[in-house]
Structure formats: C-alpha cells, structure tokens
C-alpha cells in the first residue's frame, strides 16, 4: 500500500516519523514522507521517498519570531495564535505541498501539527487516517493529567479539571489552525464532502492514534479509547558507518564521565550569554562538560579546558557515556536521555517541555526542572551536582533505561497500522 506520512516540525518532531516510515517500508509498503527540505537527507538515508513541505521550523524557532514566542509567557491560545502569525505567510504553500505530496496515497499518517491539515485532507481524498504523536496532546483528553501543551498548573487539579485543560487546549488549536487549513484546501480543491470523515474512524470512536512514547514514562490513562495506542518510542539508531571524531574520543578518555549540555533549536537559549553561563555552572559543579554549540559559528567564546564543544553527535552513542544530560526537554531528547539510563536535568522553554520536566522529576530520574527564565549558573550547577552524584537517582535512571530499551515501539506501531490497512471495509465508515 502507498502510505504518505505528513511530518512537520523540528528534528525531534520529524525524526520519529521517518523511523516509523522505515518500519512500514520494511513491512512491504511504499512510504513517502512529506516534510521540510532540510530533512530531505534524513528521509532519503532511510530509503524513503521524499516530498517537500514549505518552511523550516527549526530556523523559525531560532529566528526573532521564535525567540519572541519563547520569551513571553502566554496561554496555549496565545502560543498557537503567535505561531500562526509566524507561519501565516507560508500557510497556502504548506497546504499545497501537503495536497501534492498525498494525493496519490492510499493511506495517510499525520504527525504533530500535521494532524490539522491531515484530517481535512483525508476527508477530501477519502483516505484512511492514523494520527501519530510523540507527546500527549489535547486530541485524546484524559482525567489522568493536565494537558501537556499548557503551562503547568501551580497545584494538582484533579480528574475533571485535568480533562478540561485538554478540551480547552484542543479548542484553541482547532479554532486557530483548522479554519486556515480549510480555507486553503477549499480554494485549492473545493469544499469537503457533505459526509466527510476519515475512513479509519470507527463509529463512536476517535481516530486511530499512535503515541510514540513508553508506558514506563507515561502510563496509558484508563479513560483513553481503545483506538488510542501507546507503542513505545520510535528511535533512530546511528548510521553503521558513523565514527566519532578523534578529539571527542580523546576528551572522553581523558577523565571521568562528563555532563552533556545542549538546548537544540531553542532560540531563547541560543546565545553567547547562555554558553558562558553553562561554562560557569559546570565549573561550580566541578564537572567536565560536553556542550552542544548553540552560538554563532563566527562568535568567539573562550572554552574552558574541562569543556569540549560539539556540533552534533548521535545521542544513542554519546548519552550512555555521560554522568548526566542537560537539555531543553523536547520529546526526542528526553526519550534519548531516558533510554541511555542516565539522570536528566531539564531546562524547559515552552510547549510540552515542562511536562517532560515534571515526568523526569516525578520518576526520580532527575532533579526538579528549571524554567529557562529562572536559569542561572548557580541553579544549573546545583541541578548538575545532584544529577551527577545521587546514586539512587542514577540507579532509577539505569532501571528505566533498561525497560525502555527492551521495548520495540516501531514494531508495535507497524503492527497496529498493518491491522488498519488490512481491515475489511465494513468495519470503517466511508467518506463518500
């Protein structure tokens, strides 16, 4: 079957769906990934077909608009409206690219924010649709915990209030994104069918949904519908011919395990001042460090002797060799840190990052997260020292890492998609 995967976002958003696509291809399907141009090498390296999707979310987040989005405290509605303003100039092109990338597909899988365009597209094309996410989203509300995309509440809410946060967040996303997608699709291909509905929606059930994280990290809520599946993580292992730089290996061999510090594409932490603060925190904590470069390539920063700067290193190779990992709490980096079995320190900025920070602390595999607005060398040093020296925390992290590594999230997700691909037509409602 011809399967199209729509996967917008940053590297952490896109990579899991490329991995899932590779699994589906190995199961005998022809898989195309519709994503941003900067991920074309990643898609092609896995033997998948690539179709371009306008934009580069990583560049947007590192730009002034993205920095403004992260700097200012906003409600979920405020965040999505601001993001929509940033994306508005390319909205028509995004919808056009998704349409062109999926029009000859037989099955549609949407990732992350692609769900808004994907649902409308599936209605018009009459395609079975599966949604995929790497963090809990408002589309599957629950009483078990508050919405992962809302700022964390200052106190426990309880069952029905937890569920209400999901409902309100879903309304904010749908009201912001869906009308723009519908307008663009209507201009492009016409209005949706009067009985429009994705073919994979079973009567009385939400759309089939895959969550690419582990139940050891987020237990599956009892009030989720049977069509919602928590499969385990979708990890991409490094290329077999990848070799670490000799100077990095020499640094690792020259002393005790260092602490990794990297904040990905977070523009709010992408500065010379943050780098200097990190260096000072490592010094105060008495730890060696491996720091992901986040400042300009031509910006001069004096690097301490006990710090090694890297541009990009596969997490699955590097993280197990660390005393602890410090990062922004993105879903993908959090998953890599947990799989490695080392304590994590999360400095969160926005979106689902505070949620993962709380989960890490609640599981006892890292100290309390640090909001980026409260980041200081002293606070970071204290968190690093706790993560790198607490033996009980290290043991819990190692046990959780073993449990995660024992799972095969891709195989389970592929099996679920296979069951939907092979389902007889009478068990699904038809679009037309």
Protein backbone atom coordinates (compact mmCIF):
# COMPACT_ATOMS: atom_id res chain seq x y z
CA UNK A 1 0.00 0.00 0.00
CA UNK A 2 1.13 3.57 -0.71
CA UNK A 3 1.44 5.35 2.65
CA UNK A 4 2.04 9.10 2.98
CA UNK A 5 3.39 10.48 6.25
CA UNK A 6 2.95 14.21 6.86
CA UNK A 7 5.57 15.27 9.42
CA UNK A 8 6.10 19.00 10.02
CA UNK A 9 8.24 20.39 12.82
CA UNK A 10 11.77 20.41 14.17
CA UNK A 11 14.20 17.47 14.10
CA UNK A 12 12.70 15.98 17.25
CA UNK A 13 9.23 16.09 15.68
CA UNK A 14 10.19 14.69 12.29
CA UNK A 15 12.77 12.01 13.05
CA UNK A 16 10.44 9.56 14.87
CA UNK A 17 8.08 9.53 11.86
CA UNK A 18 10.95 8.83 9.50
CA UNK A 19 11.83 5.85 11.71
CA UNK A 20 8.20 4.70 11.67
CA UNK A 21 8.16 5.10 7.88
CA UNK A 22 11.21 2.87 7.58
CA UNK A 23 9.44 0.23 9.67
CA UNK A 24 6.37 0.40 7.44
CA UNK A 25 8.53 0.12 4.34
CA UNK A 26 10.20 -3.00 5.72
CA UNK A 27 6.71 -4.41 6.24
CA UNK A 28 6.17 -4.15 2.50
CA UNK A 29 4.60 -0.71 1.99
CA UNK A 30 5.71 2.12 -0.26
CA UNK A 31 6.31 5.06 2.08
CA UNK A 32 6.60 8.76 1.29
CA UNK A 33 7.43 11.39 3.89
CA UNK A 34 6.15 14.94 3.35
CA UNK A 35 8.38 17.22 5.41
CA UNK A 36 10.65 20.24 5.24
CA UNK A 37 13.52 20.50 2.78
CA UNK A 38 16.19 20.43 5.49
CA UNK A 39 15.15 16.86 6.37
CA UNK A 40 15.46 15.52 2.83
CA UNK A 41 18.85 13.86 3.56
CA UNK A 42 17.41 12.16 6.65
CA UNK A 43 14.41 10.81 4.72
CA UNK A 44 16.49 9.60 1.78
CA UNK A 45 19.08 8.00 4.08
CA UNK A 46 16.35 5.65 5.32
CA UNK A 47 15.38 4.66 1.78
CA UNK A 48 12.07 6.53 1.83
CA UNK A 49 10.51 8.77 -0.79
CA UNK A 50 10.66 12.49 -0.02
CA UNK A 51 8.19 15.26 -0.86
CA UNK A 52 8.86 18.83 0.15
CA UNK A 53 6.85 20.78 2.72
CA UNK A 54 7.42 24.54 2.91
CA UNK A 55 9.20 26.06 5.88
CA UNK A 56 11.91 25.18 8.39
CA UNK A 57 10.52 25.13 11.92
CA UNK A 58 13.98 24.96 13.47
CA UNK A 59 15.02 28.14 11.65
CA UNK A 60 11.75 29.83 12.67
CA UNK A 61 12.31 28.96 16.34
CA UNK A 62 15.87 30.27 16.16
CA UNK A 63 14.71 33.48 14.46
CA UNK A 64 13.36 36.60 16.12
CA UNK A 65 9.73 35.48 15.83
CA UNK A 66 10.57 32.19 17.52
CA UNK A 67 12.59 33.92 20.22
CA UNK A 68 9.64 36.20 20.91
CA UNK A 69 7.33 33.17 21.09
CA UNK A 70 9.55 31.57 23.74
CA UNK A 71 10.43 34.70 25.70
CA UNK A 72 6.88 35.79 26.50
CA UNK A 73 4.59 33.91 28.84
CA UNK A 74 1.38 33.03 27.01
CA UNK A 75 -1.62 30.78 27.29
CA UNK A 76 -1.91 27.87 24.84
CA UNK A 77 -4.22 30.01 22.73
CA UNK A 78 -1.69 32.83 22.76
CA UNK A 79 1.13 30.49 21.75
CA UNK A 80 -0.74 28.98 18.82
CA UNK A 81 -2.01 32.36 17.60
CA UNK A 82 1.52 33.76 17.70
CA UNK A 83 2.87 30.68 15.91
CA UNK A 84 0.12 31.03 13.31
CA UNK A 85 1.15 34.64 12.69
CA UNK A 86 4.71 33.47 12.11
CA UNK A 87 3.53 30.70 9.75
CA UNK A 88 0.77 32.68 8.01
CA UNK A 89 2.87 33.88 5.05
CA UNK A 90 3.52 30.27 4.01
CA UNK A 91 0.14 28.76 5.01
CA UNK A 92 -1.17 28.41 1.44
CA UNK A 93 2.08 26.85 0.28
CA UNK A 94 2.05 24.38 3.19
CA UNK A 95 -1.44 23.18 2.28
CA UNK A 96 -0.49 22.97 -1.41
CA UNK A 97 2.59 20.90 -0.57
CA UNK A 98 0.62 18.51 1.64
CA UNK A 99 -2.01 18.04 -1.08
CA UNK A 100 0.58 17.38 -3.77
CA UNK A 101 2.50 15.03 -1.51
CA UNK A 102 -0.52 12.91 -0.58
CA UNK A 103 -2.97 12.97 -3.48
CA UNK A 104 -1.93 9.56 -4.89
CA UNK A 105 -1.57 7.87 -1.50
CA UNK A 106 -3.82 5.05 -0.25
CA UNK A 107 -3.26 5.59 3.46
CA UNK A 108 -2.39 8.72 5.43
CA UNK A 109 -0.44 9.11 8.67
CA UNK A 110 -0.07 12.58 10.16
CA UNK A 111 2.46 13.61 12.76
CA UNK A 112 2.34 16.50 15.22
CA UNK A 113 0.73 19.67 13.89
CA UNK A 114 0.20 17.92 10.56
CA UNK A 115 -2.96 16.47 12.09
CA UNK A 116 -4.86 19.69 11.34
CA UNK A 117 -4.19 19.55 7.62
CA UNK A 118 -4.24 15.76 7.57
CA UNK A 119 -7.76 15.38 8.86
CA UNK A 120 -9.16 17.81 6.30
CA UNK A 121 -7.10 16.19 3.56
CA UNK A 122 -8.28 12.68 4.45
CA UNK A 123 -11.88 13.87 4.24
CA UNK A 124 -11.39 15.11 0.69
CA UNK A 125 -9.33 12.18 -0.54
CA UNK A 126 -11.42 9.52 1.23
CA UNK A 127 -8.29 8.05 2.81
CA UNK A 128 -7.90 6.03 6.00
CA UNK A 129 -6.10 8.23 8.52
CA UNK A 130 -3.95 7.48 11.55
CA UNK A 131 -2.65 10.22 13.80
CA UNK A 132 0.75 9.97 15.45
CA UNK A 133 2.30 11.98 18.27
CA UNK A 134 5.40 11.83 20.43
CA UNK A 135 3.80 13.67 23.36
CA UNK A 136 0.29 13.56 24.87
CA UNK A 137 -1.94 16.02 23.02
CA UNK A 138 -5.39 17.52 23.64
CA UNK A 139 -6.90 15.35 20.88
CA UNK A 140 -7.10 12.49 23.42
CA UNK A 141 -8.31 14.16 26.65
CA UNK A 142 -7.85 12.41 29.96
CA UNK A 143 -8.54 12.83 33.65
CA UNK A 144 -5.12 11.37 34.49
CA UNK A 145 -3.03 14.51 33.98
CA UNK A 146 -3.33 18.10 32.69
CA UNK A 147 -2.74 18.94 29.05
CA UNK A 148 0.96 18.52 28.24
CA UNK A 149 0.92 21.60 25.98
CA UNK A 150 -0.35 24.02 28.65
CA UNK A 151 1.79 25.80 31.24
CA UNK A 152 1.98 23.55 34.32
CA UNK A 153 -0.67 24.39 36.93
CA UNK A 154 0.66 25.62 40.30
CA UNK A 155 -1.28 22.90 42.17
CA UNK A 156 -2.89 19.50 41.41
CA UNK A 157 -6.15 19.92 39.53
CA UNK A 158 -7.87 16.58 39.88
CA UNK A 159 -9.81 14.46 37.39
CA UNK A 160 -12.42 16.61 35.66
CA UNK A 161 -10.27 19.73 35.77
CA UNK A 162 -7.41 17.81 34.16
CA UNK A 163 -9.75 16.77 31.37
CA UNK A 164 -11.00 20.34 30.98
CA UNK A 165 -7.46 21.58 30.23
CA UNK A 166 -7.32 19.18 27.26
CA UNK A 167 -10.71 20.30 25.96
CA UNK A 168 -9.80 23.99 26.19
CA UNK A 169 -6.43 23.46 24.54
CA UNK A 170 -7.99 21.45 21.73
CA UNK A 171 -10.45 24.27 21.07
CA UNK A 172 -7.57 26.75 20.95
CA UNK A 173 -5.66 24.67 18.40
CA UNK A 174 -8.67 23.83 16.24
CA UNK A 175 -10.01 27.39 16.19
CA UNK A 176 -6.59 28.71 15.23
CA UNK A 177 -5.38 26.20 12.65
CA UNK A 178 -8.37 24.38 11.19
CA UNK A 179 -10.14 27.37 9.56
CA UNK A 180 -6.95 28.44 7.76
CA UNK A 181 -6.35 24.89 6.51
CA UNK A 182 -9.97 24.52 5.39
CA UNK A 183 -9.91 27.84 3.51
CA UNK A 184 -6.71 26.93 1.72
CA UNK A 185 -7.96 23.44 0.81
CA UNK A 186 -11.30 24.80 -0.39
CA UNK A 187 -9.53 27.32 -2.63
CA UNK A 188 -7.23 24.58 -3.90
CA UNK A 189 -9.55 21.59 -4.44
CA UNK A 190 -13.06 22.62 -3.40
CA UNK A 191 -15.21 22.08 -0.28
CA UNK A 192 -15.21 18.84 1.71
CA UNK A 193 -17.84 16.16 1.03
CA UNK A 194 -21.08 16.67 2.95
CA UNK A 195 -20.44 13.42 4.85
CA UNK A 196 -16.70 13.99 5.10
CA UNK A 197 -14.94 11.76 7.59
CA UNK A 198 -11.65 9.90 7.58
CA UNK A 199 -12.31 6.26 6.63
CA UNK A 200 -10.36 4.89 9.58
CA UNK A 201 -12.73 6.46 12.11
CA UNK A 202 -14.81 3.69 13.67
CA UNK A 203 -18.37 4.60 14.70
CA UNK A 204 -18.37 6.15 18.17
CA UNK A 205 -14.56 6.15 18.40
CA UNK A 206 -11.92 8.84 17.86
CA UNK A 207 -9.47 8.45 15.02
CA UNK A 208 -6.82 5.76 15.50
CA UNK A 209 -3.95 7.40 17.35
CA UNK A 210 -0.38 6.22 17.95
CA UNK A 211 1.71 7.61 20.78
CA UNK A 212 5.43 7.06 20.30
CA UNK A 213 6.50 7.02 23.94
CA UNK A 214 6.80 4.39 26.67
CA UNK A 215 4.20 3.42 29.25
CA UNK A 216 7.13 3.24 31.69
CA UNK A 217 7.37 7.02 31.29
CA UNK A 218 3.71 7.97 30.80
CA UNK A 219 1.33 5.20 31.89
CA UNK A 220 -1.60 4.81 29.50
CA UNK A 221 -4.64 6.57 31.00
CA UNK A 222 -7.55 4.24 31.69
CA UNK A 223 -10.03 6.65 30.09
CA UNK A 224 -8.41 6.65 26.65
CA UNK A 225 -10.42 4.89 23.94
CA UNK A 226 -9.28 1.50 22.60
CA UNK A 227 -8.27 3.24 19.37
CA UNK A 228 -5.51 5.12 21.23
CA UNK A 229 -2.26 3.15 21.42
CA UNK A 230 0.94 3.80 23.41
CA UNK A 231 3.53 1.84 21.47
CA UNK A 232 6.92 2.67 22.95
CA UNK A 233 9.47 5.07 21.47
CA UNK A 234 10.44 5.28 17.79
CA UNK A 235 14.21 5.60 17.95
CA UNK A 236 16.61 6.20 15.08
CA UNK A 237 19.93 4.45 15.61
CA UNK A 238 23.08 5.98 14.19
CA UNK A 239 24.33 5.05 10.75
CA UNK A 240 26.55 1.95 10.88
CA UNK A 241 29.42 3.79 9.18
CA UNK A 242 29.36 6.74 11.62
CA UNK A 243 32.59 7.24 13.57
CA UNK A 244 33.06 9.71 16.44
CA UNK A 245 35.61 12.49 15.98
CA UNK A 246 39.03 11.53 17.34
CA UNK A 247 39.25 14.64 19.54
CA UNK A 248 35.90 13.80 21.16
CA UNK A 249 37.03 10.26 21.93
CA UNK A 250 40.28 11.62 23.37
CA UNK A 251 38.35 14.02 25.61
CA UNK A 252 36.08 11.24 26.89
CA UNK A 253 39.10 9.06 27.65
CA UNK A 254 40.97 11.81 29.46
CA UNK A 255 38.90 11.93 32.65
CA UNK A 256 35.71 10.96 34.48
CA UNK A 257 32.35 10.92 32.63
CA UNK A 258 31.36 14.46 31.70
CA UNK A 259 27.95 16.15 31.68
CA UNK A 260 26.27 16.85 28.33
CA UNK A 261 24.57 20.23 27.87
CA UNK A 262 22.57 21.06 24.75
CA UNK A 263 19.38 23.00 24.06
CA UNK A 264 18.60 22.01 20.48
CA UNK A 265 16.79 24.61 18.37
CA UNK A 266 15.59 26.71 21.34
CA UNK A 267 16.21 30.29 20.25
CA UNK A 268 15.61 31.54 23.79
CA UNK A 269 18.73 29.65 24.91
CA UNK A 270 20.74 30.19 21.73
CA UNK A 271 23.22 32.84 22.78
CA UNK A 272 26.72 33.60 23.92
CA UNK A 273 25.42 34.54 27.39
CA UNK A 274 23.82 31.12 27.83
CA UNK A 275 27.05 29.40 26.80
CA UNK A 276 29.08 31.41 29.31
CA UNK A 277 26.51 30.60 32.00
CA UNK A 278 26.77 26.88 31.18
CA UNK A 279 30.56 27.01 31.42
CA UNK A 280 30.32 28.69 34.81
CA UNK A 281 27.75 26.16 36.05
CA UNK A 282 29.99 23.26 35.09
CA UNK A 283 32.88 24.90 36.92
CA UNK A 284 30.78 25.47 40.05
CA UNK A 285 29.58 21.86 39.95
CA UNK A 286 33.14 20.61 39.48
CA UNK A 287 32.23 18.63 36.37
CA UNK A 288 33.70 18.22 32.93
CA UNK A 289 31.28 19.03 30.14
CA UNK A 290 30.39 18.31 26.53
CA UNK A 291 28.44 21.31 25.24
CA UNK A 292 26.41 21.46 22.04
CA UNK A 293 27.31 24.61 20.12
CA UNK A 294 24.32 26.97 20.10
CA UNK A 295 26.03 30.26 19.44
CA UNK A 296 27.09 31.67 16.09
CA UNK A 297 29.84 29.83 14.24
CA UNK A 298 31.83 33.06 13.96
CA UNK A 299 31.19 34.23 17.52
CA UNK A 300 34.29 33.98 19.67
CA UNK A 301 33.84 32.29 23.06
CA UNK A 302 36.70 31.12 25.21
CA UNK A 303 36.12 27.46 26.01
CA UNK A 304 37.41 26.16 29.37
CA UNK A 305 39.88 23.28 29.33
CA UNK A 306 37.37 20.96 31.01
CA UNK A 307 34.75 21.58 28.30
CA UNK A 308 34.57 20.08 24.81
CA UNK A 309 32.26 21.72 22.25
CA UNK A 310 30.43 19.62 19.65
CA UNK A 311 28.15 20.50 16.74
CA UNK A 312 26.13 17.26 16.51
CA UNK A 313 26.73 13.78 17.90
CA UNK A 314 24.26 10.85 17.90
CA UNK A 315 22.59 10.79 21.29
CA UNK A 316 22.45 6.99 21.45
CA UNK A 317 26.26 6.87 21.27
CA UNK A 318 27.07 9.85 23.48
CA UNK A 319 24.46 9.87 26.27
CA UNK A 320 25.28 6.47 27.86
CA UNK A 321 28.82 7.76 28.46
CA UNK A 322 27.64 10.83 30.39
CA UNK A 323 27.33 11.41 34.15
CA UNK A 324 24.11 13.34 33.35
CA UNK A 325 22.46 15.12 30.43
CA UNK A 326 21.13 18.69 30.49
CA UNK A 327 18.68 19.72 27.77
CA UNK A 328 15.50 21.63 26.93
CA UNK A 329 13.05 18.79 27.47
CA UNK A 330 11.98 18.21 23.89
CA UNK A 331 10.22 14.87 23.47
CA UNK A 332 13.01 13.35 21.37
CA UNK A 333 15.93 14.46 23.53
CA UNK A 334 14.08 13.45 26.69
CA UNK A 335 13.50 10.00 25.21
CA UNK A 336 17.18 9.65 24.31
CA UNK A 337 18.27 10.63 27.80
CA UNK A 338 15.89 8.18 29.44
CA UNK A 339 16.90 5.34 27.11
CA UNK A 340 20.56 5.97 27.95
CA UNK A 341 19.85 5.29 31.61
CA UNK A 342 21.47 8.48 32.94
CA UNK A 343 19.90 11.26 35.04
CA UNK A 344 18.44 14.24 33.17
CA UNK A 345 18.32 17.94 34.00
CA UNK A 346 15.64 19.76 32.02
CA UNK A 347 15.69 23.49 31.37
CA UNK A 348 12.32 23.96 29.72
CA UNK A 349 11.19 26.78 27.45
CA UNK A 350 7.65 26.15 26.16
CA UNK A 351 5.09 23.68 24.73
CA UNK A 352 5.43 20.11 26.10
CA UNK A 353 8.86 20.67 27.66
CA UNK A 354 7.57 21.47 31.19
CA UNK A 355 5.50 18.26 31.03
CA UNK A 356 8.59 16.14 30.33
CA UNK A 357 10.49 18.01 33.02
CA UNK A 358 7.83 17.09 35.57
CA UNK A 359 7.77 13.47 34.42
CA UNK A 360 11.55 13.17 34.80
CA UNK A 361 11.38 14.60 38.33
CA UNK A 362 8.32 12.52 39.32
CA UNK A 363 10.03 9.34 38.12
CA UNK A 364 13.04 10.19 40.27
CA UNK A 365 15.48 10.15 37.35
CA UNK A 366 16.36 13.84 37.51
CA UNK A 367 16.04 16.89 39.77
CA UNK A 368 13.21 19.40 39.52
CA UNK A 369 13.19 21.11 36.10
CA UNK A 370 14.37 24.69 35.69
CA UNK A 371 12.21 27.19 33.74
CA UNK A 372 14.50 28.95 31.29
CA UNK A 373 13.55 32.36 32.69
CA UNK A 374 14.96 31.30 36.06
CA UNK A 375 18.14 29.77 34.69
CA UNK A 376 21.34 30.88 36.40
CA UNK A 377 24.79 29.41 36.76
CA UNK A 378 24.13 28.66 40.43
CA UNK A 379 20.78 26.91 39.85
CA UNK A 380 22.18 24.90 36.97
CA UNK A 381 25.27 23.93 38.98
CA UNK A 382 23.12 22.67 41.84
CA UNK A 383 20.97 20.61 39.47
CA UNK A 384 24.03 19.17 37.71
CA UNK A 385 25.67 18.26 41.01
CA UNK A 386 22.51 16.49 42.19
CA UNK A 387 22.05 14.57 38.94
CA UNK A 388 25.70 13.53 38.68
CA UNK A 389 26.25 12.44 42.29
CA UNK A 390 22.94 10.95 43.53
CA UNK A 391 23.48 7.18 43.46
CA UNK A 392 19.79 6.32 43.97
CA UNK A 393 18.79 8.64 41.12
CA UNK A 394 21.38 7.01 38.89
CA UNK A 395 20.06 3.55 39.74
CA UNK A 396 16.47 4.53 38.96
CA UNK A 397 17.62 6.03 35.66
CA UNK A 398 19.50 2.82 34.77
CA UNK A 399 16.45 0.67 35.55
CA UNK A 400 14.17 2.89 33.46
CA UNK A 401 16.68 2.84 30.60
CA UNK A 402 16.73 -0.97 30.58
CA UNK A 403 12.92 -1.08 30.48
CA UNK A 404 12.77 1.36 27.56
CA UNK A 405 15.48 -0.47 25.62
CA UNK A 406 13.53 -3.72 26.00
CA UNK A 407 10.58 -2.25 24.07
CA UNK A 408 10.16 -2.20 20.29
CA UNK A 409 7.86 0.74 19.71
CA UNK A 410 8.31 0.74 15.94
CA UNK A 411 7.32 -2.92 15.60
CA UNK A 412 4.20 -2.38 17.68
CA UNK A 413 3.20 0.77 15.77
CA UNK A 414 3.73 -1.00 12.44
CA UNK A 415 1.56 -3.91 13.60
CA UNK A 416 -1.25 -1.52 14.51
CA UNK A 417 -1.07 0.27 11.15
CA UNK A 418 -0.98 -3.11 9.40
CA UNK A 419 -4.19 -4.12 11.16
CA UNK A 420 -5.87 -0.94 9.92
CA UNK A 421 -4.53 -1.33 6.38
CA UNK A 422 -5.91 -4.87 6.25
CA UNK A 423 -9.23 -4.12 7.99
CA UNK A 424 -12.30 -5.06 5.94
CA UNK A 425 -14.25 -2.14 4.59
CA UNK A 426 -17.36 -2.89 6.66
CA UNK A 427 -15.60 -2.00 9.93
CA UNK A 428 -14.83 1.56 8.90
CA UNK A 429 -17.16 4.36 7.96
CA UNK A 430 -16.79 5.70 4.44
CA UNK A 431 -16.11 9.27 3.41
CA UNK A 432 -18.08 9.07 0.22
